[in-house]
């Protein structure tokens, strides 16, 4: 008799919990609907009464951007245009100047110029602000509008007006657009030291870094005394390639981890056995333009006592997001 009562008691207990759970969910839904009603009230008021006419697309994108910006400086919404720009930066080639730019407080800010491009040869620096394109003020416009004006047919000219910290007067430079080819890794030999310049983290950066190490050995006919890995003016890129580059110089250990909301929601990435650089000394060069994936590499090599990091400090360590800055996806111009 006792054994027959237990299932009945368990069933009653389970049924009794349903109204409690349902009530809690209903209360949560009611609170959510109240907040959404408040949002719609503001949305409709702005659409009806704002001094300029605004579209639903403008308001909705602004609402999404604002919601994500309230979380942290690195979360952002990637629409079709953002995705195309990210694809260009990590995969393709384009006609332009070789600049990676972002939007900061309504102004277009240079994240980094790509080496051996019109922007790099003109001396444009990380942290410069672009105020005019071909004499037209671009402050207050969108990032897409600015990059669209910088890109164009190779061989055509464009004039940029720049504001640089420490300079009293604007800097005006006229550049000729070129086909910007993604060459993420360059190398050379200086004395008996291998110099590897990584300027972006696109799809081939990891493989190109390993190839550079092999090419340096072949050029010398023996292994070098050590390596200099230059990450200056490198605005970042793909997380997968930051892991690949770190792995090229590590034999073991955790490279980077990603943590989520739940305690067990964590992903760890570890180096595989085999150090392509054979344990030789490494110096990593950084500056204010070293961000995102670049900081992951520098941090991983430093944490494992594999490299000496030299250069400028950044105010905050970057998050593992491809090409993120100030909550908006950067653009290539």
Protein backbone atom coordinates (compact mmCIF):
# COMPACT_ATOMS: atom_id res chain seq x y z
CA UNK A 1 0.00 0.00 0.00
CA UNK A 2 2.84 2.28 0.86
CA UNK A 3 4.46 1.79 -2.53
CA UNK A 4 1.22 2.79 -4.28
CA UNK A 5 0.98 6.09 -2.41
CA UNK A 6 4.44 7.38 -3.38
CA UNK A 7 3.73 7.96 -7.08
CA UNK A 8 0.46 9.66 -6.18
CA UNK A 9 2.18 12.01 -3.77
CA UNK A 10 4.89 12.78 -6.36
CA UNK A 11 2.23 13.50 -8.98
CA UNK A 12 0.34 15.86 -6.68
CA UNK A 13 3.57 17.67 -5.86
CA UNK A 14 4.44 18.07 -9.54
CA UNK A 15 0.96 19.38 -10.36
CA UNK A 16 1.11 21.80 -7.45
CA UNK A 17 4.30 23.38 -8.79
CA UNK A 18 2.79 24.13 -12.19
CA UNK A 19 0.62 27.11 -11.08
CA UNK A 20 3.57 28.57 -9.18
CA UNK A 21 5.86 28.33 -12.21
CA UNK A 22 3.16 29.59 -14.53
CA UNK A 23 2.46 32.53 -12.22
CA UNK A 24 6.14 33.46 -12.10
CA UNK A 25 6.40 33.32 -15.88
CA UNK A 26 3.27 35.41 -16.26
CA UNK A 27 4.64 38.04 -13.89
CA UNK A 28 7.90 38.11 -15.85
CA UNK A 29 6.02 38.42 -19.15
CA UNK A 30 3.87 41.24 -17.75
CA UNK A 31 6.96 43.21 -16.69
CA UNK A 32 8.50 42.67 -20.14
CA UNK A 33 5.34 43.83 -21.91
CA UNK A 34 5.23 46.96 -19.75
CA UNK A 35 8.78 47.81 -20.79
CA UNK A 36 7.95 47.16 -24.44
CA UNK A 37 4.88 49.40 -24.15
CA UNK A 38 7.10 52.14 -22.78
CA UNK A 39 9.52 51.65 -25.68
CA UNK A 40 6.72 51.83 -28.23
CA UNK A 41 5.37 55.03 -26.64
CA UNK A 42 8.76 56.70 -27.03
CA UNK A 43 9.23 55.20 -30.52
CA UNK A 44 5.91 56.57 -31.75
CA UNK A 45 6.45 59.96 -30.12
CA UNK A 46 9.87 60.36 -31.77
CA UNK A 47 8.56 59.25 -35.15
CA UNK A 48 5.63 61.67 -34.95
CA UNK A 49 7.22 64.73 -33.35
CA UNK A 50 10.98 64.74 -33.97
CA UNK A 51 12.11 67.87 -35.79
CA UNK A 52 13.28 65.87 -38.83
CA UNK A 53 11.45 62.98 -40.44
CA UNK A 54 12.92 59.65 -39.43
CA UNK A 55 12.35 56.18 -40.87
CA UNK A 56 11.49 52.99 -39.07
CA UNK A 57 14.87 51.58 -40.14
CA UNK A 58 16.71 54.51 -38.55
CA UNK A 59 14.85 54.23 -35.28
CA UNK A 60 15.05 50.45 -35.03
CA UNK A 61 18.76 50.29 -35.84
CA UNK A 62 19.42 53.09 -33.36
CA UNK A 63 17.42 51.26 -30.70
CA UNK A 64 19.33 48.01 -31.29
CA UNK A 65 22.70 49.79 -31.30
CA UNK A 66 21.81 51.64 -28.11
CA UNK A 67 20.66 48.47 -26.37
CA UNK A 68 23.90 46.64 -27.16
CA UNK A 69 26.08 49.67 -26.37
CA UNK A 70 24.52 49.70 -22.90
CA UNK A 71 25.96 46.24 -22.27
CA UNK A 72 29.65 46.90 -22.95
CA UNK A 73 31.82 48.78 -25.49
CA UNK A 74 32.33 45.71 -27.68
CA UNK A 75 28.87 44.24 -28.34
CA UNK A 76 27.36 45.34 -31.62
CA UNK A 77 24.71 44.47 -34.19
CA UNK A 78 26.02 43.42 -37.60
CA UNK A 79 23.61 44.08 -40.45
CA UNK A 80 24.15 43.18 -44.10
CA UNK A 81 26.29 46.26 -44.75
CA UNK A 82 28.41 45.63 -41.65
CA UNK A 83 28.86 42.01 -42.68
CA UNK A 84 30.01 42.99 -46.19
CA UNK A 85 32.58 45.36 -44.68
CA UNK A 86 33.81 42.67 -42.32
CA UNK A 87 34.10 40.24 -45.22
CA UNK A 88 36.17 42.74 -47.21
CA UNK A 89 38.47 43.30 -44.26
CA UNK A 90 39.06 39.61 -43.59
CA UNK A 91 38.81 38.08 -47.06
CA UNK A 92 38.73 40.30 -50.10
CA UNK A 93 40.41 43.13 -51.92
CA UNK A 94 38.93 46.53 -52.78
CA UNK A 95 39.73 49.85 -54.40
CA UNK A 96 40.56 52.38 -51.71
CA UNK A 97 43.18 53.87 -49.41
CA UNK A 98 44.09 51.08 -47.00
CA UNK A 99 42.50 52.53 -43.86
CA UNK A 100 40.60 50.80 -41.08
CA UNK A 101 38.27 53.35 -39.47
CA UNK A 102 35.53 53.44 -36.85
CA UNK A 103 32.99 55.96 -35.57
CA UNK A 104 33.60 57.72 -32.26
CA UNK A 105 31.22 60.39 -30.97
CA UNK A 106 30.05 61.21 -34.49
CA UNK A 107 33.58 61.49 -35.90
CA UNK A 108 35.48 59.08 -38.15
CA UNK A 109 38.54 57.79 -36.31
CA UNK A 110 41.49 55.94 -37.83
CA UNK A 111 42.09 52.59 -36.15
CA UNK A 112 45.11 51.74 -38.28
CA UNK A 113 46.51 52.30 -41.78
CA UNK A 114 47.60 49.22 -43.68
CA UNK A 115 51.27 49.12 -44.58
CA UNK A 116 52.35 49.73 -48.17
CA UNK A 117 49.05 51.41 -49.09
CA UNK A 118 48.26 55.04 -49.98
CA UNK A 119 47.21 55.73 -46.38
CA UNK A 120 50.30 54.09 -44.90
CA UNK A 121 52.70 55.91 -47.24
CA UNK A 122 50.98 59.26 -46.56
CA UNK A 123 51.81 58.99 -42.86
CA UNK A 124 48.23 58.70 -41.58
CA UNK A 125 48.35 57.40 -38.00
CA UNK A 126 46.19 55.48 -35.58
CA UNK A 127 44.07 57.94 -33.60
CA UNK A 128 43.78 60.53 -36.37
CA UNK A 129 40.27 61.89 -36.98
CA UNK A 130 39.02 62.44 -40.54
CA UNK A 131 36.92 65.60 -40.65
CA UNK A 132 36.58 66.27 -44.40
CA UNK A 133 36.66 64.19 -47.58
CA UNK A 134 37.29 66.21 -50.75
CA UNK A 135 36.60 69.36 -48.74
CA UNK A 136 33.17 68.16 -47.54
CA UNK A 137 32.55 67.97 -43.79
CA UNK A 138 31.67 64.39 -42.81
CA UNK A 139 31.14 64.92 -39.08
CA UNK A 140 27.71 63.66 -38.05
CA UNK A 141 27.36 61.37 -41.07
CA UNK A 142 27.44 57.60 -41.01
CA UNK A 143 30.50 55.38 -41.18
CA UNK A 144 29.17 53.71 -44.32
CA UNK A 145 28.89 57.09 -46.06
CA UNK A 146 32.48 57.99 -45.14
CA UNK A 147 33.98 54.69 -46.30
CA UNK A 148 31.95 54.79 -49.51
CA UNK A 149 33.60 58.14 -50.30
CA UNK A 150 37.08 56.81 -49.52
CA UNK A 151 36.67 53.72 -51.67
CA UNK A 152 36.58 54.05 -55.42
CA UNK A 153 38.16 53.25 -58.73
CA UNK A 154 41.94 52.67 -58.52
CA UNK A 155 43.87 55.62 -59.95
CA UNK A 156 41.39 58.26 -58.83
CA UNK A 157 42.29 60.91 -56.25
CA UNK A 158 40.72 61.79 -52.91
CA UNK A 159 41.68 64.48 -50.38
CA UNK A 160 41.38 63.90 -46.63
CA UNK A 161 41.50 66.50 -43.87
CA UNK A 162 42.79 65.08 -40.60
CA UNK A 163 42.91 66.23 -36.99
CA UNK A 164 45.81 64.83 -34.96
CA UNK A 165 46.42 65.13 -31.25
CA UNK A 166 49.29 67.55 -30.57
CA UNK A 167 48.93 69.36 -33.90
CA UNK A 168 47.43 72.85 -33.92
CA UNK A 169 46.40 72.82 -37.56
CA UNK A 170 44.54 70.23 -39.64
CA UNK A 171 46.57 67.96 -41.92
CA UNK A 172 45.47 67.82 -45.56
CA UNK A 173 46.64 64.90 -47.71
CA UNK A 174 45.73 63.96 -51.27
CA UNK A 175 45.86 60.24 -52.00
CA UNK A 176 45.51 58.11 -55.11
CA UNK A 177 43.27 55.08 -54.66
CA UNK A 178 44.79 51.66 -55.31
CA UNK A 179 43.65 48.05 -55.29
CA UNK A 180 44.13 47.18 -51.63
CA UNK A 181 45.29 43.59 -51.40
CA UNK A 182 45.17 41.87 -48.04
CA UNK A 183 48.75 40.89 -47.22
CA UNK A 184 48.49 40.09 -43.55
CA UNK A 185 52.08 38.98 -42.95
CA UNK A 186 55.43 40.30 -44.15
CA UNK A 187 58.87 39.14 -43.11
CA UNK A 188 62.53 40.01 -43.50
CA UNK A 189 65.87 39.19 -41.95
CA UNK A 190 67.78 41.84 -40.02
CA UNK A 191 71.21 40.56 -39.13
CA UNK A 192 70.54 37.15 -37.61
CA UNK A 193 67.07 38.11 -36.35
CA UNK A 194 63.80 37.23 -38.07
CA UNK A 195 61.34 40.12 -38.33
CA UNK A 196 57.65 39.23 -38.82
CA UNK A 197 55.15 42.03 -39.37
CA UNK A 198 51.52 40.98 -38.86
CA UNK A 199 49.23 43.82 -39.93
CA UNK A 200 45.81 42.16 -39.75
CA UNK A 201 44.19 38.88 -38.77
CA UNK A 202 42.45 37.70 -41.93
CA UNK A 203 41.76 34.14 -43.08
CA UNK A 204 45.39 33.30 -43.99
CA UNK A 205 47.27 35.04 -41.17
CA UNK A 206 48.03 31.89 -39.19
CA UNK A 207 49.29 29.95 -42.21
CA UNK A 208 51.25 32.96 -43.46
CA UNK A 209 52.93 33.37 -40.07
CA UNK A 210 54.11 29.76 -40.08
CA UNK A 211 55.30 30.21 -43.67
CA UNK A 212 57.23 33.34 -42.63
CA UNK A 213 59.05 31.43 -39.89
CA UNK A 214 60.08 28.75 -42.39
CA UNK A 215 61.12 31.35 -44.97
CA UNK A 216 63.35 33.12 -42.44
CA UNK A 217 65.09 29.83 -41.59
CA UNK A 218 65.58 29.09 -45.28
CA UNK A 219 66.87 32.59 -46.04
CA UNK A 220 69.52 32.38 -43.31
CA UNK A 221 70.39 28.76 -43.96
CA UNK A 222 70.00 28.17 -40.24
CA UNK A 223 67.73 29.20 -37.41
CA UNK A 224 67.86 32.87 -36.38
CA UNK A 225 68.89 34.17 -32.98
CA UNK A 226 65.26 35.03 -32.35
CA UNK A 227 62.19 36.76 -33.75
CA UNK A 228 60.59 40.19 -33.58
CA UNK A 229 56.83 39.99 -34.06
CA UNK A 230 55.49 43.43 -34.95
CA UNK A 231 51.83 43.97 -34.03
CA UNK A 232 51.91 47.77 -34.15
CA UNK A 233 48.95 49.42 -35.89
CA UNK A 234 47.23 46.02 -36.07
CA UNK A 235 43.54 46.64 -35.38
CA UNK A 236 42.71 42.94 -35.02
CA UNK A 237 40.55 40.55 -36.98
CA UNK A 238 39.47 36.93 -36.66
CA UNK A 239 39.67 35.16 -33.31
CA UNK A 240 40.53 31.88 -35.02
CA UNK A 241 43.63 33.46 -36.55
CA UNK A 242 44.74 34.97 -33.24
CA UNK A 243 44.67 31.41 -31.88
CA UNK A 244 46.58 30.08 -34.91
CA UNK A 245 49.31 32.74 -34.66
CA UNK A 246 49.72 32.19 -30.90
CA UNK A 247 49.90 28.43 -31.49
CA UNK A 248 52.76 28.91 -33.95
CA UNK A 249 54.95 30.17 -31.08
CA UNK A 250 53.64 27.99 -28.25
CA UNK A 251 54.12 24.32 -27.45
CA UNK A 252 51.45 23.99 -24.77
CA UNK A 253 49.04 25.91 -22.56
CA UNK A 254 45.80 27.85 -22.83
CA UNK A 255 45.78 30.63 -25.42
CA UNK A 256 42.44 32.28 -24.70
CA UNK A 257 39.06 31.44 -23.21
CA UNK A 258 35.51 32.68 -23.71
CA UNK A 259 33.11 32.78 -20.78
CA UNK A 260 29.34 33.01 -21.02
CA UNK A 261 26.52 33.70 -18.59
CA UNK A 262 26.34 30.23 -17.07
CA UNK A 263 29.11 28.89 -14.88
CA UNK A 264 29.81 26.00 -17.23
CA UNK A 265 29.42 28.09 -20.39
CA UNK A 266 33.09 28.41 -21.22
CA UNK A 267 35.26 27.63 -24.23
CA UNK A 268 39.01 27.23 -23.91
CA UNK A 269 41.54 27.16 -26.73
CA UNK A 270 44.89 25.45 -26.19
CA UNK A 271 48.16 25.34 -28.08
CA UNK A 272 48.98 22.11 -29.84
CA UNK A 273 52.35 20.38 -29.32
CA UNK A 274 55.07 21.80 -31.53
CA UNK A 275 56.61 25.29 -31.46
CA UNK A 276 57.40 26.44 -35.00
CA UNK A 277 59.90 28.94 -33.56
CA UNK A 278 61.74 26.16 -31.68
CA UNK A 279 61.69 28.01 -28.38
CA UNK A 280 63.87 30.85 -29.69
CA UNK A 281 63.53 34.29 -28.01
CA UNK A 282 60.66 36.50 -29.18
CA UNK A 283 59.99 40.22 -28.81
CA UNK A 284 56.46 41.45 -29.55
CA UNK A 285 56.06 45.12 -30.51
CA UNK A 286 52.78 46.92 -29.68
CA UNK A 287 51.38 50.43 -29.75
CA UNK A 288 48.08 52.27 -29.33
CA UNK A 289 46.81 50.72 -32.58
CA UNK A 290 47.35 47.17 -31.32
CA UNK A 291 43.85 45.86 -30.59
CA UNK A 292 41.53 42.87 -30.41
CA UNK A 293 43.17 39.76 -31.95
CA UNK A 294 46.59 41.41 -31.66
CA UNK A 295 46.18 41.76 -27.91
CA UNK A 296 45.18 38.12 -27.61
CA UNK A 297 48.45 37.08 -29.26
CA UNK A 298 50.57 39.47 -27.21
CA UNK A 299 48.81 38.46 -23.99
CA UNK A 300 49.09 34.72 -24.66
CA UNK A 301 52.82 34.88 -25.43
CA UNK A 302 53.43 37.09 -22.41
CA UNK A 303 51.34 34.95 -20.03
CA UNK A 304 53.32 31.85 -20.99
CA UNK A 305 56.63 33.71 -20.62
CA UNK A 306 57.27 33.02 -24.29
CA UNK A 307 57.86 36.62 -25.37
CA UNK A 308 58.86 40.03 -24.10
CA UNK A 309 56.18 42.58 -25.02
CA UNK A 310 57.45 46.09 -25.71
CA UNK A 311 55.51 49.24 -26.61
CA UNK A 312 52.56 51.29 -25.46
CA UNK A 313 49.82 50.13 -23.09
CA UNK A 314 46.15 50.28 -24.05
CA UNK A 315 43.59 51.52 -21.55
CA UNK A 316 41.63 48.26 -21.53
CA UNK A 317 42.19 44.75 -22.78
CA UNK A 318 40.25 43.92 -25.92
CA UNK A 319 37.46 41.41 -26.09
CA UNK A 320 37.46 38.44 -28.46
CA UNK A 321 35.44 40.05 -31.21
CA UNK A 322 36.50 40.38 -34.83
CA UNK A 323 37.47 43.95 -35.63
CA UNK A 324 35.50 45.55 -32.82
CA UNK A 325 35.93 49.08 -31.63
CA UNK A 326 33.67 51.43 -29.72
CA UNK A 327 30.72 49.10 -30.20
CA UNK A 328 30.63 49.54 -33.96
CA UNK A 329 32.14 47.37 -36.62
CA UNK A 330 35.12 49.13 -38.24
CA UNK A 331 35.27 49.75 -41.97
CA UNK A 332 38.00 49.56 -44.59
CA UNK A 333 38.44 52.65 -46.71
